[in-house]
Amino acid sequence: MKKNIKVRIFAPPLGECAGNNTWQTAASMIGKKLQKRYGENVETEFIELFSPESFNYPDIMEFVQTGDKQPPFITVNDRLVHSGGKISERAIREEIDTVIQNT
């Protein structure tokens, strides 16, 4: 299995995604599930939109600026795999599996 698969979840600050859960809480839960499934080979990172760090990702900020896609934005190894609605664990897993198969 290839090491260093990087999952990034970009979402608004302090927004609720379901009930009282925040995007950061949801991202953390997804990260734990991915870690359990793939081990230390997959790292999940939550990045708050409009934080200083988010501006290091101009493609993501362009989506925000143009409104072409809606948050949350999920990337696997810098490839956008999902935007809008709820965080899709299935879309993340499918992309991770594809990355693993191609290495």
Protein backbone atom coordinates (compact mmCIF):
# COMPACT_ATOMS: atom_id res chain seq x y z
CA MET A 1 0.00 0.00 0.00
CA LYS A 2 1.31 3.44 -0.86
CA LYS A 3 2.10 5.59 2.11
CA ASN A 4 1.23 9.22 2.56
CA ILE A 5 -2.23 9.37 1.03
CA LYS A 6 -3.46 12.78 2.05
CA VAL A 7 -7.17 13.48 2.53
CA ARG A 8 -8.09 17.12 3.02
CA ILE A 9 -11.55 18.31 4.00
CA PHE A 10 -12.22 22.01 3.44
CA ALA A 11 -15.34 23.39 5.12
CA PRO A 12 -16.73 26.64 6.52
CA PRO A 13 -15.80 27.76 10.02
CA LEU A 14 -18.21 26.91 12.80
CA GLY A 15 -20.91 25.66 10.45
CA GLU A 16 -23.19 22.82 11.46
CA CYS A 17 -23.31 19.88 9.08
CA ALA A 18 -25.92 17.70 10.82
CA GLY A 19 -27.66 18.58 14.04
CA ASN A 20 -25.10 19.92 16.48
CA ASN A 21 -22.08 18.38 14.74
CA THR A 22 -19.60 20.76 13.22
CA TRP A 23 -17.72 20.12 9.99
CA GLN A 24 -14.57 19.68 12.04
CA THR A 25 -16.22 17.00 14.20
CA ALA A 26 -17.49 15.18 11.10
CA ALA A 27 -14.04 15.38 9.48
CA SER A 28 -12.46 13.97 12.64
CA MET A 29 -14.89 11.03 12.67
CA ILE A 30 -14.18 10.29 9.00
CA GLY A 31 -10.44 10.52 9.69
CA LYS A 32 -10.73 7.94 12.49
CA LYS A 33 -12.68 5.57 10.23
CA LEU A 34 -10.12 5.93 7.44
CA GLN A 35 -7.24 5.40 9.86
CA LYS A 36 -8.89 2.23 11.16
CA ARG A 37 -9.40 0.93 7.61
CA TYR A 38 -6.09 1.98 6.00
CA GLY A 39 -3.78 2.51 8.96
CA GLU A 40 -1.10 5.16 9.09
CA ASN A 41 -0.88 5.25 5.30
CA VAL A 42 -3.77 7.71 5.16
CA GLU A 43 -3.70 11.09 6.85
CA THR A 44 -6.82 13.25 7.14
CA GLU A 45 -6.63 16.99 7.60
CA PHE A 46 -9.44 19.48 8.22
CA ILE A 47 -8.88 22.94 6.78
CA GLU A 48 -11.24 25.73 7.69
CA LEU A 49 -12.20 27.86 4.70
CA PHE A 50 -10.92 31.45 4.96
CA SER A 51 -8.27 30.46 7.48
CA PRO A 52 -4.75 31.58 6.53
CA GLU A 53 -3.91 27.97 5.63
CA SER A 54 -6.83 27.68 3.20
CA PHE A 55 -5.24 30.31 0.95
CA ASN A 56 -2.41 27.85 0.27
CA TYR A 57 -4.93 25.97 -1.91
CA PRO A 58 -5.82 28.37 -4.75
CA ASP A 59 -7.96 25.80 -6.62
CA ILE A 60 -10.21 25.39 -3.59
CA MET A 61 -10.44 29.13 -2.98
CA GLU A 62 -11.36 29.62 -6.63
CA PHE A 63 -14.36 27.30 -6.13
CA VAL A 64 -15.39 29.44 -3.17
CA GLN A 65 -14.94 32.69 -5.09
CA THR A 66 -16.75 31.59 -8.26
CA GLY A 67 -19.44 29.55 -6.54
CA ASP A 68 -18.99 26.81 -9.16
CA LYS A 69 -18.92 24.17 -6.41
CA GLN A 70 -20.20 24.19 -2.85
CA PRO A 71 -18.40 23.21 0.36
CA PRO A 72 -17.37 20.94 1.84
CA PHE A 73 -14.57 20.23 -0.63
CA ILE A 74 -12.76 16.93 -0.24
CA THR A 75 -9.46 16.14 -1.90
CA VAL A 76 -7.38 12.98 -1.97
CA ASN A 77 -3.76 13.68 -2.89
CA ASP A 78 -4.88 17.13 -4.11
CA ARG A 79 -7.53 15.71 -6.46
CA LEU A 80 -11.08 16.95 -5.81
CA VAL A 81 -13.28 13.90 -5.17
CA HIS A 82 -16.39 15.49 -3.64
CA SER A 83 -18.05 18.83 -3.11
CA GLY A 84 -21.34 19.93 -1.60
CA GLY A 85 -23.73 18.19 0.75
CA LYS A 86 -22.43 15.84 3.38
CA ILE A 87 -18.91 14.49 3.63
CA SER A 88 -18.89 11.34 1.50
CA GLU A 89 -16.84 8.61 3.12
CA ARG A 90 -17.62 6.35 0.15
CA ALA A 91 -16.19 8.84 -2.39
CA ILE A 92 -13.04 9.16 -0.27
CA ARG A 93 -12.62 5.38 0.06
CA GLU A 94 -13.14 4.82 -3.67
CA GLU A 95 -10.42 7.34 -4.52
CA ILE A 96 -8.04 5.91 -1.90
CA ASP A 97 -8.61 2.42 -3.31
CA THR A 98 -7.88 3.73 -6.81
CA VAL A 99 -4.65 5.36 -5.63
CA ILE A 100 -3.61 2.13 -3.91
CA GLN A 101 -4.37 0.03 -7.03
CA ASN A 102 -2.29 2.36 -9.22
CA THR A 103 0.84 2.18 -7.07
